[in-house]
Amino acid sequence: RQFGRPIIEFEMVQAMLADMAVKCQASRAVVNNCMRLIDA
């Protein structure tokens, strides 16, 4: 908490977390695609 509220409510923190989530999801997708190619 900062300034009386959780920092997850601050837009810049939200933006960093969102970017991190995007990178995780995109990475999982490209790994899964490559694994499908290996299986094939």
PDB file of all heavy atoms in Angstrom:
ATOM      1  N   ARG A   1       0.840  -1.191   0.000  1.00  0.00           N
ATOM      2  CA  ARG A   1       0.000   0.000   0.000  1.00  0.00           C
ATOM      3  C   ARG A   1       0.877   1.243   0.000  1.00  0.00           C
ATOM      4  O   ARG A   1       1.874   1.311   0.714  1.00  0.00           O
ATOM      5  CB  ARG A   1      -0.932  -0.008   1.191  1.00  0.00           C
ATOM      6  CG  ARG A   1      -1.896  -1.202   1.180  1.00  0.00           C
ATOM      7  CD  ARG A   1      -2.844  -1.187   2.361  1.00  0.00           C
ATOM      8  NE  ARG A   1      -3.822  -0.110   2.296  1.00  0.00           N
ATOM      9  CZ  ARG A   1      -4.946  -0.138   1.592  1.00  0.00           C
ATOM     10  NH1 ARG A   1      -5.249  -1.200   0.877  1.00  0.00           N
ATOM     11  NH2 ARG A   1      -5.777   0.888   1.617  1.00  0.00           N
ATOM     12  N   GLN A   2       0.481   2.200  -0.804  1.00  0.00           N
ATOM     13  CA  GLN A   2       1.094   3.526  -0.831  1.00  0.00           C
ATOM     14  C   GLN A   2      -0.043   4.534  -0.947  1.00  0.00           C
ATOM     15  O   GLN A   2      -1.001   4.311  -1.703  1.00  0.00           O
ATOM     16  CB  GLN A   2       2.039   3.678  -2.032  1.00  0.00           C
ATOM     17  CG  GLN A   2       3.362   2.959  -1.877  1.00  0.00           C
ATOM     18  CD  GLN A   2       4.219   3.586  -0.791  1.00  0.00           C
ATOM     19  OE1 GLN A   2       4.277   4.806  -0.648  1.00  0.00           O
ATOM     20  NE2 GLN A   2       4.870   2.750  -0.013  1.00  0.00           N
ATOM     21  N   PHE A   3       0.072   5.622  -0.229  1.00  0.00           N
ATOM     22  CA  PHE A   3      -0.936   6.683  -0.276  1.00  0.00           C
ATOM     23  C   PHE A   3      -2.337   6.143   0.006  1.00  0.00           C
ATOM     24  O   PHE A   3      -3.322   6.564  -0.591  1.00  0.00           O
ATOM     25  CB  PHE A   3      -0.893   7.427  -1.616  1.00  0.00           C
ATOM     26  CG  PHE A   3       0.487   7.907  -1.975  1.00  0.00           C
ATOM     27  CD1 PHE A   3       1.205   7.285  -2.987  1.00  0.00           C
ATOM     28  CD2 PHE A   3       1.090   8.947  -1.274  1.00  0.00           C
ATOM     29  CE1 PHE A   3       2.485   7.710  -3.310  1.00  0.00           C
ATOM     30  CE2 PHE A   3       2.374   9.373  -1.584  1.00  0.00           C
ATOM     31  CZ  PHE A   3       3.082   8.752  -2.609  1.00  0.00           C
ATOM     32  N   GLY A   4      -2.402   5.138   0.881  1.00  0.00           N
ATOM     33  CA  GLY A   4      -3.684   4.622   1.336  1.00  0.00           C
ATOM     34  C   GLY A   4      -4.354   3.605   0.440  1.00  0.00           C
ATOM     35  O   GLY A   4      -5.511   3.252   0.678  1.00  0.00           O
ATOM     36  N   ARG A   5      -3.666   3.150  -0.576  1.00  0.00           N
ATOM     37  CA  ARG A   5      -4.294   2.142  -1.452  1.00  0.00           C
ATOM     38  C   ARG A   5      -3.239   1.175  -1.992  1.00  0.00           C
ATOM     39  O   ARG A   5      -2.050   1.498  -2.042  1.00  0.00           O
ATOM     40  CB  ARG A   5      -5.069   2.799  -2.585  1.00  0.00           C
ATOM     41  CG  ARG A   5      -4.257   3.683  -3.476  1.00  0.00           C
ATOM     42  CD  ARG A   5      -5.166   4.424  -4.450  1.00  0.00           C
ATOM     43  NE  ARG A   5      -4.357   5.278  -5.302  1.00  0.00           N
ATOM     44  CZ  ARG A   5      -4.664   5.591  -6.527  1.00  0.00           C
ATOM     45  NH1 ARG A   5      -5.761   5.119  -7.085  1.00  0.00           N
ATOM     46  NH2 ARG A   5      -3.894   6.384  -7.228  1.00  0.00           N
ATOM     47  N   PRO A   6      -3.670  -0.024  -2.443  1.00  0.00           N
ATOM     48  CA  PRO A   6      -2.714  -0.993  -2.985  1.00  0.00           C
ATOM     49  C   PRO A   6      -2.072  -0.449  -4.267  1.00  0.00           C
ATOM     50  O   PRO A   6      -2.746   0.214  -5.069  1.00  0.00           O
ATOM     51  CB  PRO A   6      -3.560  -2.222  -3.306  1.00  0.00           C
ATOM     52  CG  PRO A   6      -4.889  -1.995  -2.691  1.00  0.00           C
ATOM     53  CD  PRO A   6      -5.040  -0.537  -2.426  1.00  0.00           C
ATOM     54  N   ILE A   7      -0.795  -0.724  -4.453  1.00  0.00           N
ATOM     55  CA  ILE A   7      -0.113  -0.169  -5.631  1.00  0.00           C
ATOM     56  C   ILE A   7      -0.629  -0.757  -6.940  1.00  0.00           C
ATOM     57  O   ILE A   7      -0.412  -0.168  -8.003  1.00  0.00           O
ATOM     58  CB  ILE A   7       1.424  -0.305  -5.543  1.00  0.00           C
ATOM     59  CG1 ILE A   7       1.869  -1.774  -5.565  1.00  0.00           C
ATOM     60  CG2 ILE A   7       1.952   0.446  -4.327  1.00  0.00           C
ATOM     61  CD1 ILE A   7       3.373  -1.963  -5.734  1.00  0.00           C
ATOM     62  N   ILE A   8      -1.366  -1.864  -6.880  1.00  0.00           N
ATOM     63  CA  ILE A   8      -1.944  -2.429  -8.100  1.00  0.00           C
ATOM     64  C   ILE A   8      -3.003  -1.491  -8.694  1.00  0.00           C
ATOM     65  O   ILE A   8      -3.361  -1.601  -9.859  1.00  0.00           O
ATOM     66  CB  ILE A   8      -2.524  -3.842  -7.863  1.00  0.00           C
ATOM     67  CG1 ILE A   8      -2.653  -4.601  -9.203  1.00  0.00           C
ATOM     68  CG2 ILE A   8      -3.842  -3.787  -7.100  1.00  0.00           C
ATOM     69  CD1 ILE A   8      -2.841  -6.073  -9.078  1.00  0.00           C
ATOM     70  N   GLU A   9      -3.451  -0.521  -7.905  1.00  0.00           N
ATOM     71  CA  GLU A   9      -4.420   0.453  -8.405  1.00  0.00           C
ATOM     72  C   GLU A   9      -3.765   1.600  -9.166  1.00  0.00           C
ATOM     73  O   GLU A   9      -4.459   2.383  -9.812  1.00  0.00           O
ATOM     74  CB  GLU A   9      -5.268   0.997  -7.250  1.00  0.00           C
ATOM     75  CG  GLU A   9      -6.171  -0.053  -6.628  1.00  0.00           C
ATOM     76  CD  GLU A   9      -7.004   0.484  -5.482  1.00  0.00           C
ATOM     77  OE1 GLU A   9      -7.044   1.723  -5.272  1.00  0.00           O
ATOM     78  OE2 GLU A   9      -7.625  -0.338  -4.782  1.00  0.00           O
ATOM     79  N   PHE A  10      -2.447   1.703  -9.107  1.00  0.00           N
ATOM     80  CA  PHE A  10      -1.752   2.777  -9.830  1.00  0.00           C
ATOM     81  C   PHE A  10      -1.556   2.370 -11.293  1.00  0.00           C
ATOM     82  O   PHE A  10      -1.128   1.246 -11.593  1.00  0.00           O
ATOM     83  CB  PHE A  10      -0.396   3.090  -9.180  1.00  0.00           C
ATOM     84  CG  PHE A  10      -0.526   3.654  -7.797  1.00  0.00           C
ATOM     85  CD1 PHE A  10       0.007   2.978  -6.714  1.00  0.00           C
ATOM     86  CD2 PHE A  10      -1.184   4.858  -7.572  1.00  0.00           C
ATOM     87  CE1 PHE A  10      -0.115   3.490  -5.432  1.00  0.00           C
ATOM     88  CE2 PHE A  10      -1.311   5.375  -6.291  1.00  0.00           C
ATOM     89  CZ  PHE A  10      -0.776   4.689  -5.218  1.00  0.00           C
ATOM     90  N   GLU A  11      -1.876   3.287 -12.193  1.00  0.00           N
ATOM     91  CA  GLU A  11      -1.866   2.965 -13.624  1.00  0.00           C
ATOM     92  C   GLU A  11      -0.517   2.489 -14.137  1.00  0.00           C
ATOM     93  O   GLU A  11      -0.451   1.594 -14.974  1.00  0.00           O
ATOM     94  CB  GLU A  11      -2.355   4.166 -14.437  1.00  0.00           C
ATOM     95  CG  GLU A  11      -3.840   4.409 -14.266  1.00  0.00           C
ATOM     96  CD  GLU A  11      -4.331   5.618 -15.035  1.00  0.00           C
ATOM     97  OE1 GLU A  11      -3.539   6.276 -15.735  1.00  0.00           O
ATOM     98  OE2 GLU A  11      -5.537   5.911 -14.925  1.00  0.00           O
ATOM     99  N   MET A  12       0.579   3.063 -13.671  1.00  0.00           N
ATOM    100  CA  MET A  12       1.891   2.637 -14.167  1.00  0.00           C
ATOM    101  C   MET A  12       2.215   1.209 -13.716  1.00  0.00           C
ATOM    102  O   MET A  12       2.805   0.442 -14.469  1.00  0.00           O
ATOM    103  CB  MET A  12       2.993   3.613 -13.745  1.00  0.00           C
ATOM    104  CG  MET A  12       2.894   4.971 -14.431  1.00  0.00           C
ATOM    105  SD  MET A  12       2.809   4.867 -16.247  1.00  0.00           S
ATOM    106  CE  MET A  12       4.427   4.264 -16.622  1.00  0.00           C
ATOM    107  N   VAL A  13       1.812   0.868 -12.521  1.00  0.00           N
ATOM    108  CA  VAL A  13       2.006  -0.509 -12.048  1.00  0.00           C
ATOM    109  C   VAL A  13       1.112  -1.441 -12.862  1.00  0.00           C
ATOM    110  O   VAL A  13       1.549  -2.515 -13.305  1.00  0.00           O
ATOM    111  CB  VAL A  13       1.727  -0.630 -10.535  1.00  0.00           C
ATOM    112  CG1 VAL A  13       1.754  -2.093 -10.089  1.00  0.00           C
ATOM    113  CG2 VAL A  13       2.730   0.192  -9.742  1.00  0.00           C
ATOM    114  N   GLN A  14      -0.122  -1.029 -13.096  1.00  0.00           N
ATOM    115  CA  GLN A  14      -1.024  -1.826 -13.916  1.00  0.00           C
ATOM    116  C   GLN A  14      -0.450  -2.052 -15.310  1.00  0.00           C
ATOM    117  O   GLN A  14      -0.514  -3.160 -15.852  1.00  0.00           O
ATOM    118  CB  GLN A  14      -2.388  -1.144 -14.033  1.00  0.00           C
ATOM    119  CG  GLN A  14      -3.180  -1.130 -12.761  1.00  0.00           C
ATOM    120  CD  GLN A  14      -4.445  -0.285 -12.864  1.00  0.00           C
ATOM    121  OE1 GLN A  14      -4.647   0.460 -13.822  1.00  0.00           O
ATOM    122  NE2 GLN A  14      -5.311  -0.408 -11.857  1.00  0.00           N
ATOM    123  N   ALA A  15       0.130  -1.001 -15.891  1.00  0.00           N
ATOM    124  CA  ALA A  15       0.711  -1.115 -17.238  1.00  0.00           C
ATOM    125  C   ALA A  15       1.873  -2.099 -17.244  1.00  0.00           C
ATOM    126  O   ALA A  15       1.980  -2.928 -18.161  1.00  0.00           O
ATOM    127  CB  ALA A  15       1.162   0.257 -17.739  1.00  0.00           C
ATOM    128  N   MET A  16       2.733  -2.035 -16.228  1.00  0.00           N
ATOM    129  CA  MET A  16       3.857  -2.984 -16.168  1.00  0.00           C
ATOM    130  C   MET A  16       3.343  -4.407 -16.023  1.00  0.00           C
ATOM    131  O   MET A  16       3.826  -5.312 -16.700  1.00  0.00           O
ATOM    132  CB  MET A  16       4.811  -2.642 -15.015  1.00  0.00           C
ATOM    133  CG  MET A  16       5.773  -1.540 -15.358  1.00  0.00           C
ATOM    134  SD  MET A  16       7.253  -1.479 -14.318  1.00  0.00           S
ATOM    135  CE  MET A  16       6.614  -1.525 -12.688  1.00  0.00           C
ATOM    136  N   LEU A  17       2.372  -4.608 -15.154  1.00  0.00           N
ATOM    137  CA  LEU A  17       1.816  -5.950 -14.960  1.00  0.00           C
ATOM    138  C   LEU A  17       1.132  -6.454 -16.234  1.00  0.00           C
ATOM    139  O   LEU A  17       1.281  -7.624 -16.608  1.00  0.00           O
ATOM    140  CB  LEU A  17       0.845  -5.968 -13.784  1.00  0.00           C
ATOM    141  CG  LEU A  17       1.460  -5.707 -12.404  1.00  0.00           C
ATOM    142  CD1 LEU A  17       0.358  -5.560 -11.355  1.00  0.00           C
ATOM    143  CD2 LEU A  17       2.453  -6.782 -12.025  1.00  0.00           C
ATOM    144  N   ALA A  18       0.421  -5.567 -16.907  1.00  0.00           N
ATOM    145  CA  ALA A  18      -0.232  -5.959 -18.163  1.00  0.00           C
ATOM    146  C   ALA A  18       0.801  -6.348 -19.215  1.00  0.00           C
ATOM    147  O   ALA A  18       0.644  -7.359 -19.904  1.00  0.00           O
ATOM    148  CB  ALA A  18      -1.121  -4.823 -18.670  1.00  0.00           C
ATOM    149  N   ASP A  19       1.868  -5.564 -19.338  1.00  0.00           N
ATOM    150  CA  ASP A  19       2.932  -5.898 -20.292  1.00  0.00           C
ATOM    151  C   ASP A  19       3.574  -7.237 -19.950  1.00  0.00           C
ATOM    152  O   ASP A  19       3.885  -8.032 -20.847  1.00  0.00           O
ATOM    153  CB  ASP A  19       4.003  -4.806 -20.322  1.00  0.00           C
ATOM    154  CG  ASP A  19       3.560  -3.550 -21.045  1.00  0.00           C
ATOM    155  OD1 ASP A  19       2.537  -3.594 -21.767  1.00  0.00           O
ATOM    156  OD2 ASP A  19       4.238  -2.515 -20.884  1.00  0.00           O
ATOM    157  N   MET A  20       3.743  -7.484 -18.672  1.00  0.00           N
ATOM    158  CA  MET A  20       4.312  -8.760 -18.243  1.00  0.00           C
ATOM    159  C   MET A  20       3.377  -9.914 -18.627  1.00  0.00           C
ATOM    160  O   MET A  20       3.832 -10.959 -19.108  1.00  0.00           O
ATOM    161  CB  MET A  20       4.568  -8.743 -16.734  1.00  0.00           C
ATOM    162  CG  MET A  20       5.669  -7.776 -16.314  1.00  0.00           C
ATOM    163  SD  MET A  20       5.651  -7.399 -14.538  1.00  0.00           S
ATOM    164  CE  MET A  20       6.157  -8.970 -13.839  1.00  0.00           C
ATOM    165  N   ALA A  21       2.085  -9.724 -18.433  1.00  0.00           N
ATOM    166  CA  ALA A  21       1.111 -10.757 -18.786  1.00  0.00           C
ATOM    167  C   ALA A  21       1.096 -11.012 -20.286  1.00  0.00           C
ATOM    168  O   ALA A  21       1.008 -12.167 -20.734  1.00  0.00           O
ATOM    169  CB  ALA A  21      -0.281 -10.356 -18.289  1.00  0.00           C
ATOM    170  N   VAL A  22       1.195  -9.942 -21.076  1.00  0.00           N
ATOM    171  CA  VAL A  22       1.246 -10.089 -22.534  1.00  0.00           C
ATOM    172  C   VAL A  22       2.457 -10.927 -22.937  1.00  0.00           C
ATOM    173  O   VAL A  22       2.361 -11.843 -23.753  1.00  0.00           O
ATOM    174  CB  VAL A  22       1.277  -8.704 -23.229  1.00  0.00           C
ATOM    175  CG1 VAL A  22       1.653  -8.825 -24.693  1.00  0.00           C
ATOM    176  CG2 VAL A  22      -0.059  -8.006 -23.064  1.00  0.00           C
ATOM    177  N   LYS A  23       3.613 -10.608 -22.358  1.00  0.00           N
ATOM    178  CA  LYS A  23       4.843 -11.349 -22.683  1.00  0.00           C
ATOM    179  C   LYS A  23       4.710 -12.828 -22.289  1.00  0.00           C
ATOM    180  O   LYS A  23       5.158 -13.709 -23.016  1.00  0.00           O
ATOM    181  CB  LYS A  23       6.041 -10.727 -21.973  1.00  0.00           C
ATOM    182  CG  LYS A  23       6.365  -9.312 -22.381  1.00  0.00           C
ATOM    183  CD  LYS A  23       7.350  -9.271 -23.499  1.00  0.00           C
ATOM    184  CE  LYS A  23       7.923  -7.913 -23.779  1.00  0.00           C
ATOM    185  NZ  LYS A  23       7.020  -6.842 -24.089  1.00  0.00           N
ATOM    186  N   CYS A  24       4.087 -13.090 -21.142  1.00  0.00           N
ATOM    187  CA  CYS A  24       3.891 -14.483 -20.715  1.00  0.00           C
ATOM    188  C   CYS A  24       2.992 -15.239 -21.681  1.00  0.00           C
ATOM    189  O   CYS A  24       3.322 -16.363 -22.095  1.00  0.00           O
ATOM    190  CB  CYS A  24       3.274 -14.531 -19.313  1.00  0.00           C
ATOM    191  SG  CYS A  24       4.408 -14.121 -17.987  1.00  0.00           S
ATOM    192  N   GLN A  25       1.876 -14.635 -22.042  1.00  0.00           N
ATOM    193  CA  GLN A  25       0.945 -15.311 -22.943  1.00  0.00           C
ATOM    194  C   GLN A  25       1.543 -15.512 -24.335  1.00  0.00           C
ATOM    195  O   GLN A  25       1.412 -16.588 -24.927  1.00  0.00           O
ATOM    196  CB  GLN A  25      -0.360 -14.510 -23.051  1.00  0.00           C
ATOM    197  CG  GLN A  25      -1.215 -14.584 -21.814  1.00  0.00           C
ATOM    198  CD  GLN A  25      -1.743 -15.981 -21.558  1.00  0.00           C
ATOM    199  OE1 GLN A  25      -2.115 -16.704 -22.473  1.00  0.00           O
ATOM    200  NE2 GLN A  25      -1.748 -16.383 -20.304  1.00  0.00           N
ATOM    201  N   ALA A  26       2.196 -14.490 -24.864  1.00  0.00           N
ATOM    202  CA  ALA A  26       2.808 -14.611 -26.191  1.00  0.00           C
ATOM    203  C   ALA A  26       3.922 -15.651 -26.177  1.00  0.00           C
ATOM    204  O   ALA A  26       4.051 -16.448 -27.125  1.00  0.00           O
ATOM    205  CB  ALA A  26       3.352 -13.253 -26.645  1.00  0.00           C
ATOM    206  N   SER A  27       4.696 -15.669 -25.123  1.00  0.00           N
ATOM    207  CA  SER A  27       5.784 -16.647 -25.021  1.00  0.00           C
ATOM    208  C   SER A  27       5.236 -18.060 -24.959  1.00  0.00           C
ATOM    209  O   SER A  27       5.754 -18.969 -25.623  1.00  0.00           O
ATOM    210  CB  SER A  27       6.638 -16.351 -23.787  1.00  0.00           C
ATOM    211  OG  SER A  27       7.301 -15.121 -23.934  1.00  0.00           O
ATOM    212  N   ARG A  28       4.208 -18.260 -24.179  1.00  0.00           N
ATOM    213  CA  ARG A  28       3.586 -19.584 -24.089  1.00  0.00           C
ATOM    214  C   ARG A  28       3.084 -20.018 -25.475  1.00  0.00           C
ATOM    215  O   ARG A  28       3.260 -21.175 -25.874  1.00  0.00           O
ATOM    216  CB  ARG A  28       2.437 -19.539 -23.081  1.00  0.00           C
ATOM    217  CG  ARG A  28       1.865 -20.884 -22.746  1.00  0.00           C
ATOM    218  CD  ARG A  28       0.871 -20.817 -21.589  1.00  0.00           C
ATOM    219  NE  ARG A  28       1.588 -20.699 -20.325  1.00  0.00           N
ATOM    220  CZ  ARG A  28       1.600 -19.607 -19.554  1.00  0.00           C
ATOM    221  NH1 ARG A  28       0.915 -18.541 -19.901  1.00  0.00           N
ATOM    222  NH2 ARG A  28       2.273 -19.585 -18.429  1.00  0.00           N
ATOM    223  N   ALA A  29       2.523 -19.100 -26.226  1.00  0.00           N
ATOM    224  CA  ALA A  29       1.992 -19.427 -27.557  1.00  0.00           C
ATOM    225  C   ALA A  29       3.104 -19.819 -28.532  1.00  0.00           C
ATOM    226  O   ALA A  29       2.963 -20.797 -29.267  1.00  0.00           O
ATOM    227  CB  ALA A  29       1.194 -18.243 -28.111  1.00  0.00           C
ATOM    228  N   VAL A  30       4.213 -19.069 -28.547  1.00  0.00           N
ATOM    229  CA  VAL A  30       5.288 -19.419 -29.496  1.00  0.00           C
ATOM    230  C   VAL A  30       5.975 -20.714 -29.088  1.00  0.00           C
ATOM    231  O   VAL A  30       6.396 -21.487 -29.946  1.00  0.00           O
ATOM    232  CB  VAL A  30       6.305 -18.277 -29.726  1.00  0.00           C
ATOM    233  CG1 VAL A  30       5.656 -17.081 -30.382  1.00  0.00           C
ATOM    234  CG2 VAL A  30       7.041 -17.889 -28.476  1.00  0.00           C
ATOM    235  N   VAL A  31       6.070 -20.976 -27.781  1.00  0.00           N
ATOM    236  CA  VAL A  31       6.633 -22.267 -27.343  1.00  0.00           C
ATOM    237  C   VAL A  31       5.722 -23.399 -27.783  1.00  0.00           C
ATOM    238  O   VAL A  31       6.190 -24.405 -28.335  1.00  0.00           O
ATOM    239  CB  VAL A  31       6.845 -22.296 -25.809  1.00  0.00           C
ATOM    240  CG1 VAL A  31       7.126 -23.713 -25.327  1.00  0.00           C
ATOM    241  CG2 VAL A  31       7.991 -21.380 -25.409  1.00  0.00           C
ATOM    242  N   ASN A  32       4.423 -23.261 -27.553  1.00  0.00           N
ATOM    243  CA  ASN A  32       3.487 -24.311 -27.952  1.00  0.00           C
ATOM    244  C   ASN A  32       3.531 -24.550 -29.456  1.00  0.00           C
ATOM    245  O   ASN A  32       3.482 -25.699 -29.912  1.00  0.00           O
ATOM    246  CB  ASN A  32       2.063 -23.963 -27.512  1.00  0.00           C
ATOM    247  CG  ASN A  32       1.882 -24.121 -26.019  1.00  0.00           C
ATOM    248  OD1 ASN A  32       2.647 -24.801 -25.345  1.00  0.00           O
ATOM    249  ND2 ASN A  32       0.861 -23.469 -25.479  1.00  0.00           N
ATOM    250  N   ASN A  33       3.639 -23.484 -30.236  1.00  0.00           N
ATOM    251  CA  ASN A  33       3.725 -23.635 -31.684  1.00  0.00           C
ATOM    252  C   ASN A  33       4.982 -24.408 -32.074  1.00  0.00           C
ATOM    253  O   ASN A  33       4.931 -25.321 -32.905  1.00  0.00           O
ATOM    254  CB  ASN A  33       3.713 -22.275 -32.372  1.00  0.00           C
ATOM    255  CG  ASN A  33       3.802 -22.414 -33.866  1.00  0.00           C
ATOM    256  OD1 ASN A  33       2.927 -22.979 -34.505  1.00  0.00           O
ATOM    257  ND2 ASN A  33       4.891 -21.920 -34.442  1.00  0.00           N
ATOM    258  N   CYS A  34       6.105 -24.060 -31.494  1.00  0.00           N
ATOM    259  CA  CYS A  34       7.357 -24.746 -31.818  1.00  0.00           C
ATOM    260  C   CYS A  34       7.281 -26.220 -31.406  1.00  0.00           C
ATOM    261  O   CYS A  34       7.750 -27.098 -32.139  1.00  0.00           O
ATOM    262  CB  CYS A  34       8.536 -24.049 -31.158  1.00  0.00           C
ATOM    263  SG  CYS A  34      10.138 -24.623 -31.778  1.00  0.00           S
ATOM    264  N   MET A  35       6.683 -26.500 -30.275  1.00  0.00           N
ATOM    265  CA  MET A  35       6.538 -27.889 -29.830  1.00  0.00           C
ATOM    266  C   MET A  35       5.649 -28.685 -30.788  1.00  0.00           C
ATOM    267  O   MET A  35       5.924 -29.851 -31.066  1.00  0.00           O
ATOM    268  CB  MET A  35       5.971 -27.948 -28.403  1.00  0.00           C
ATOM    269  CG  MET A  35       6.917 -27.429 -27.354  1.00  0.00           C
ATOM    270  SD  MET A  35       8.477 -28.356 -27.347  1.00  0.00           S
ATOM    271  CE  MET A  35       9.244 -27.671 -25.908  1.00  0.00           C
ATOM    272  N   ARG A  36       4.612 -28.050 -31.320  1.00  0.00           N
ATOM    273  CA  ARG A  36       3.765 -28.725 -32.312  1.00  0.00           C
ATOM    274  C   ARG A  36       4.582 -29.048 -33.564  1.00  0.00           C
ATOM    275  O   ARG A  36       4.436 -30.121 -34.151  1.00  0.00           O
ATOM    276  CB  ARG A  36       2.553 -27.866 -32.671  1.00  0.00           C
ATOM    277  CG  ARG A  36       1.411 -27.987 -31.675  1.00  0.00           C
ATOM    278  CD  ARG A  36       0.124 -27.364 -32.192  1.00  0.00           C
ATOM    279  NE  ARG A  36       0.192 -25.908 -32.275  1.00  0.00           N
ATOM    280  CZ  ARG A  36       0.003 -25.079 -31.258  1.00  0.00           C
ATOM    281  NH1 ARG A  36      -0.275 -25.553 -30.070  1.00  0.00           N
ATOM    282  NH2 ARG A  36       0.075 -23.784 -31.420  1.00  0.00           N
ATOM    283  N   LEU A  37       5.446 -28.117 -33.976  1.00  0.00           N
ATOM    284  CA  LEU A  37       6.317 -28.373 -35.134  1.00  0.00           C
ATOM    285  C   LEU A  37       7.261 -29.539 -34.862  1.00  0.00           C
ATOM    286  O   LEU A  37       7.482 -30.384 -35.735  1.00  0.00           O
ATOM    287  CB  LEU A  37       7.115 -27.118 -35.491  1.00  0.00           C
ATOM    288  CG  LEU A  37       6.318 -25.939 -36.035  1.00  0.00           C
ATOM    289  CD1 LEU A  37       7.208 -24.695 -36.153  1.00  0.00           C
ATOM    290  CD2 LEU A  37       5.698 -26.285 -37.381  1.00  0.00           C
ATOM    291  N   ILE A  38       7.819 -29.591 -33.661  1.00  0.00           N
ATOM    292  CA  ILE A  38       8.700 -30.705 -33.290  1.00  0.00           C
ATOM    293  C   ILE A  38       7.933 -32.010 -33.335  1.00  0.00           C
ATOM    294  O   ILE A  38       8.396 -33.003 -33.909  1.00  0.00           O
ATOM    295  CB  ILE A  38       9.317 -30.476 -31.897  1.00  0.00           C
ATOM    296  CG1 ILE A  38      10.345 -29.332 -31.959  1.00  0.00           C
ATOM    297  CG2 ILE A  38       9.973 -31.752 -31.369  1.00  0.00           C
ATOM    298  CD1 ILE A  38      10.830 -28.851 -30.608  1.00  0.00           C
ATOM    299  N   ASP A  39       6.729 -32.029 -32.761  1.00  0.00           N
ATOM    300  CA  ASP A  39       5.900 -33.237 -32.775  1.00  0.00           C
ATOM    301  C   ASP A  39       5.577 -33.690 -34.191  1.00  0.00           C
ATOM    302  O   ASP A  39       5.453 -34.888 -34.458  1.00  0.00           O
ATOM    303  CB  ASP A  39       4.593 -33.012 -32.006  1.00  0.00           C
ATOM    304  CG  ASP A  39       4.792 -32.972 -30.503  1.00  0.00           C
ATOM    305  OD1 ASP A  39       5.878 -33.373 -30.028  1.00  0.00           O
ATOM    306  OD2 ASP A  39       3.861 -32.529 -29.796  1.00  0.00           O
ATOM    307  N   ALA A  40       5.463 -32.728 -35.105  1.00  0.00           N
ATOM    308  CA  ALA A  40       5.148 -33.052 -36.502  1.00  0.00           C
ATOM    309  C   ALA A  40       6.390 -33.464 -37.295  1.00  0.00           C
ATOM    310  O   ALA A  40       6.287 -33.784 -38.476  1.00  0.00           O
ATOM    311  CB  ALA A  40       4.472 -31.855 -37.174  1.00  0.00           C
TER     312      ALA A  40
END
